[in-house]
Protein backbone atom coordinates (compact mmCIF):
# COMPACT_ATOMS: atom_id res chain seq x y z
CA UNK A 1 36.65 20.30 -23.85
CA UNK A 2 36.72 19.32 -27.51
CA UNK A 3 34.74 16.10 -26.93
CA UNK A 4 31.97 17.96 -25.06
CA UNK A 5 32.69 16.14 -21.79
CA UNK A 6 33.20 17.50 -18.27
CA UNK A 7 35.46 16.59 -15.34
CA UNK A 8 32.98 15.57 -12.59
CA UNK A 9 33.86 14.86 -8.96
CA UNK A 10 31.90 11.65 -8.24
CA UNK A 11 32.98 10.83 -4.65
CA UNK A 12 34.32 13.94 -2.88
CA UNK A 13 34.47 12.31 0.59
CA UNK A 14 36.74 9.41 -0.38
CA UNK A 15 40.54 9.60 -0.09
CA UNK A 16 41.69 10.47 -2.73
CA UNK A 17 38.58 12.13 -4.25
CA UNK A 18 37.23 10.28 -7.30
CA UNK A 19 36.71 12.20 -10.55
CA UNK A 20 35.41 11.04 -13.93
CA UNK A 21 35.34 12.52 -17.38
CA UNK A 22 31.73 12.34 -18.57
CA UNK A 23 28.74 14.33 -19.81
CA UNK A 24 27.52 16.27 -16.75
CA UNK A 25 23.92 16.66 -18.04
CA UNK A 26 23.59 12.92 -18.53
CA UNK A 27 25.15 12.30 -15.09
CA UNK A 28 22.59 14.60 -13.39
CA UNK A 29 19.72 12.93 -15.31
CA UNK A 30 20.79 9.43 -14.22
CA UNK A 31 21.17 10.54 -10.58
CA UNK A 32 17.67 12.04 -10.66
CA UNK A 33 16.28 8.88 -12.25
CA UNK A 34 17.98 6.68 -9.64
CA UNK A 35 16.61 8.74 -6.73
CA UNK A 36 13.11 8.85 -8.24
CA UNK A 37 12.87 5.05 -8.49
CA UNK A 38 12.92 4.57 -4.71
CA UNK A 39 9.11 4.26 -4.50
CA UNK A 40 6.64 5.11 -1.78
CA UNK A 41 7.02 4.22 1.88
CA UNK A 42 5.26 0.99 2.87
CA UNK A 43 2.76 2.76 5.14
CA UNK A 44 1.08 4.45 2.19
CA UNK A 45 0.49 1.19 0.27
CA UNK A 46 -3.10 -0.03 0.61
CA UNK A 47 -3.69 -3.78 0.43
CA UNK A 48 -7.20 -5.01 -0.35
CA UNK A 49 -9.06 -7.93 1.21
CA UNK A 50 -12.34 -8.88 -0.50
CA UNK A 51 -15.20 -10.59 1.28
CA UNK A 52 -18.83 -11.42 0.46
CA UNK A 53 -21.93 -10.98 2.65
CA UNK A 54 -22.48 -14.75 2.95
CA UNK A 55 -18.82 -15.64 3.73
CA UNK A 56 -18.26 -18.64 6.00
CA UNK A 57 -16.63 -18.06 9.41
CA UNK A 58 -13.52 -20.11 8.53
CA UNK A 59 -13.05 -18.24 5.26
CA UNK A 60 -13.41 -14.94 7.13
CA UNK A 61 -10.79 -16.09 9.64
CA UNK A 62 -8.36 -16.72 6.77
CA UNK A 63 -9.03 -13.24 5.35
CA UNK A 64 -8.50 -11.74 8.83
CA UNK A 65 -5.19 -13.60 9.20
CA UNK A 66 -4.04 -12.25 5.81
CA UNK A 67 -5.08 -8.71 6.77
CA UNK A 68 -3.15 -9.07 10.04
CA UNK A 69 -0.01 -9.98 8.04
CA UNK A 70 -0.48 -6.87 5.87
CA UNK A 71 -0.93 -4.63 8.93
CA UNK A 72 2.12 -6.08 10.67
CA UNK A 73 4.07 -5.40 7.47
CA UNK A 74 3.22 -1.70 7.85
CA UNK A 75 0.55 -1.53 5.14
CA UNK A 76 -2.98 -0.18 5.34
CA UNK A 77 -5.83 -2.61 4.61
CA UNK A 78 -9.00 -1.90 2.67
CA UNK A 79 -11.73 -4.45 3.32
CA UNK A 80 -14.25 -4.61 0.49
CA UNK A 81 -17.56 -6.45 0.65
CA UNK A 82 -18.90 -7.28 -2.83
CA UNK A 83 -22.64 -7.56 -3.43
CA UNK A 84 -24.16 -9.51 -6.35
CA UNK A 85 -27.71 -9.57 -7.59
CA UNK A 86 -30.30 -9.68 -4.81
CA UNK A 87 -27.64 -9.35 -2.11
CA UNK A 88 -28.01 -5.56 -2.56
CA UNK A 89 -31.26 -5.83 -0.57
CA UNK A 90 -29.29 -7.21 2.42
CA UNK A 91 -26.58 -4.61 2.89
CA UNK A 92 -26.78 -5.04 6.67
CA UNK A 93 -25.24 -8.53 6.25
CA UNK A 94 -22.24 -7.00 4.51
CA UNK A 95 -21.92 -4.35 7.21
CA UNK A 96 -22.06 -7.09 9.86
CA UNK A 97 -19.23 -8.97 8.09
CA UNK A 98 -17.08 -5.83 7.95
CA UNK A 99 -17.84 -5.08 11.62
CA UNK A 100 -16.73 -8.61 12.59
CA UNK A 101 -13.60 -8.05 10.47
CA UNK A 102 -12.78 -4.79 12.30
CA UNK A 103 -13.60 -6.31 15.69
CA UNK A 104 -11.19 -9.22 15.11
CA UNK A 105 -8.37 -6.79 14.24
CA UNK A 106 -9.09 -4.11 16.88
CA UNK A 107 -6.02 -5.10 18.96
CA UNK A 108 -3.57 -4.11 16.17
CA UNK A 109 -5.65 -1.86 13.88
CA UNK A 110 -7.98 1.11 14.02
CA UNK A 111 -10.74 1.88 11.54
CA UNK A 112 -9.70 4.85 9.40
CA UNK A 113 -12.76 4.93 7.12
CA UNK A 114 -15.94 3.33 8.43
CA UNK A 115 -18.02 1.07 6.13
CA UNK A 116 -19.64 2.99 3.30
CA UNK A 117 -21.37 1.94 0.09
CA UNK A 118 -19.97 2.77 -3.34
CA UNK A 119 -21.99 1.17 -6.12
CA UNK A 120 -22.19 -2.56 -5.42
CA UNK A 121 -19.28 -2.50 -2.96
CA UNK A 122 -18.96 -1.57 0.68
CA UNK A 123 -15.51 -0.30 1.70
CA UNK A 124 -13.75 0.03 5.04
CA UNK A 125 -10.13 1.11 5.59
CA UNK A 126 -7.95 -0.03 8.49
CA UNK A 127 -4.57 1.31 9.64
CA UNK A 128 -2.13 0.02 12.21
CA UNK A 129 -2.42 1.40 15.77
């Protein structure tokens, strides 16, 4: 056409079929952009819960309750225990906290990655059963 536009069938299944006069390249680009923006499925999103080695039992219960909400929502949970200063000498306390965390959630979650140190942090990943 003289204007550089195309006749594009937008809805072929409707009665009568819908056609528009528009730039086909731009139409394809916008369709691709719209489909790309859908995002990832919820199961691949990792939510993080941070704890400390000297966390109180009530505070840990609150963190466990929050992690349970994330798991029920279909997300994975990464529990991170942060060590500061001299706490690095007592890594077994952090491991014990993460073990209690996993034990409290064992009815709905399984441990995907067991506790491991990375710098001053100890990570553990949980996924829904």
